Protein backbone atom coordinates (compact mmCIF):
# COMPACT_ATOMS: atom_id res chain seq x y z
CA MET A 1 67.93 107.35 78.96
CA GLU A 2 67.87 107.11 82.76
CA GLN A 3 70.85 105.63 84.55
CA THR A 4 70.12 102.70 86.86
CA LYS A 5 70.62 103.47 90.55
CA ILE A 6 73.15 101.38 92.42
CA THR A 7 72.83 100.50 96.09
CA LYS A 8 75.59 100.90 98.68
CA VAL A 9 75.76 97.10 98.92
CA GLN A 10 76.27 96.79 95.16
CA ALA A 11 78.85 99.59 95.17
CA LEU A 12 80.78 98.02 98.05
CA ALA A 13 80.69 94.59 96.43
CA GLN A 14 82.08 95.97 93.16
CA LEU A 15 84.74 98.02 94.96
CA ILE A 16 85.94 94.98 96.91
CA LYS A 17 85.89 92.80 93.79
CA ASP A 18 87.86 95.38 91.79
CA ASN A 19 90.34 95.67 94.67
CA GLY A 20 91.31 92.01 94.38
CA GLY A 21 88.65 90.57 96.65
CA THR A 22 89.44 92.40 99.90
CA ALA A 23 89.50 96.00 101.09
CA ASN A 24 90.32 97.82 104.30
CA TRP A 25 88.61 100.94 105.64
CA THR A 26 91.16 103.31 104.08
CA THR A 27 90.64 101.83 100.62
CA ILE A 28 86.86 101.77 101.00
CA TYR A 29 86.72 105.39 102.16
CA GLN A 30 89.09 106.57 99.40
CA LYS A 31 87.33 104.76 96.56
CA MET A 32 83.66 104.67 97.53
CA GLY A 33 82.81 107.95 95.80
CA ALA A 34 83.78 106.45 92.44
CA TYR A 35 81.48 103.46 92.97
CA TYR A 36 78.52 105.18 94.61
CA PRO A 37 77.61 108.39 92.76
CA ASP A 38 74.85 109.27 95.26
CA LEU A 39 77.59 110.49 97.61
CA ASN A 40 77.98 113.49 95.24
CA LEU A 41 81.66 113.98 96.02
CA ALA A 42 83.64 116.58 94.13
CA LYS A 43 86.95 115.36 92.74
CA GLY A 44 89.37 114.89 95.62
CA GLU A 45 86.70 115.47 98.26
CA LYS A 46 86.75 113.11 101.23
CA LEU A 47 83.79 111.31 102.75
CA SER A 48 82.00 112.96 105.64
CA GLU A 49 81.83 111.19 108.97
CA ILE A 50 78.12 110.60 108.34
CA ALA A 51 78.85 108.93 104.99
CA LYS A 52 81.55 106.77 106.60
CA ALA A 53 79.10 105.71 109.32
CA GLY A 54 76.56 104.71 106.66
CA ILE A 55 79.14 102.56 104.87
CA ARG A 56 80.22 100.93 108.13
CA GLY A 57 76.59 100.21 108.93
CA VAL A 58 76.06 98.43 105.61
CA LEU A 59 79.12 96.21 106.09
CA TYR A 60 78.56 95.46 109.77
CA ARG A 61 74.86 94.67 109.29
CA ASP A 62 75.65 92.30 106.45
CA CYS A 63 78.39 90.52 108.39
CA ASP A 64 76.42 90.38 111.66
CA GLN A 65 73.18 89.19 110.06
CA GLY A 66 74.80 86.63 107.76
CA ARG A 67 73.42 87.96 104.50
CA ASN A 68 76.13 86.10 102.58
CA ILE A 69 77.64 89.03 100.72
CA PHE A 70 80.52 90.28 102.90
CA THR A 71 82.76 88.71 105.49
CA LYS A 72 85.20 90.28 107.92
CA ARG A 73 88.75 89.01 107.35
CA GLY A 74 90.48 90.89 110.10
CA ASP A 75 90.42 94.20 111.94
CA GLY A 76 88.92 96.57 109.37
CA ILE A 77 89.39 94.20 106.42
CA PHE A 78 86.42 92.95 104.43
CA ALA A 79 85.97 90.49 101.58
CA LEU A 80 83.21 89.02 99.47
CA LYS A 81 81.89 85.76 100.90
CA ARG A 82 81.54 84.28 97.46
CA ALA A 83 82.65 85.29 94.00
CA GLN A 84 80.23 87.73 92.43
């Protein structure tokens, strides 16, 4: 049985939801590997700068283009716009 692929948007949304509805960059960077298996991180391995830039791009594009998934709550703090 093949496992369904998850997108970065879906992974970020679930991470933020599981974190109580908001998350800062530190939390996102520390936990993203558990939510997005395509990062292929070994246990305890940290995200590369390229991976971090990709995550930032997803969040900033969504917030800037009003896609109604994420909202910026402060400097480096993100939340879901609506309950998911």
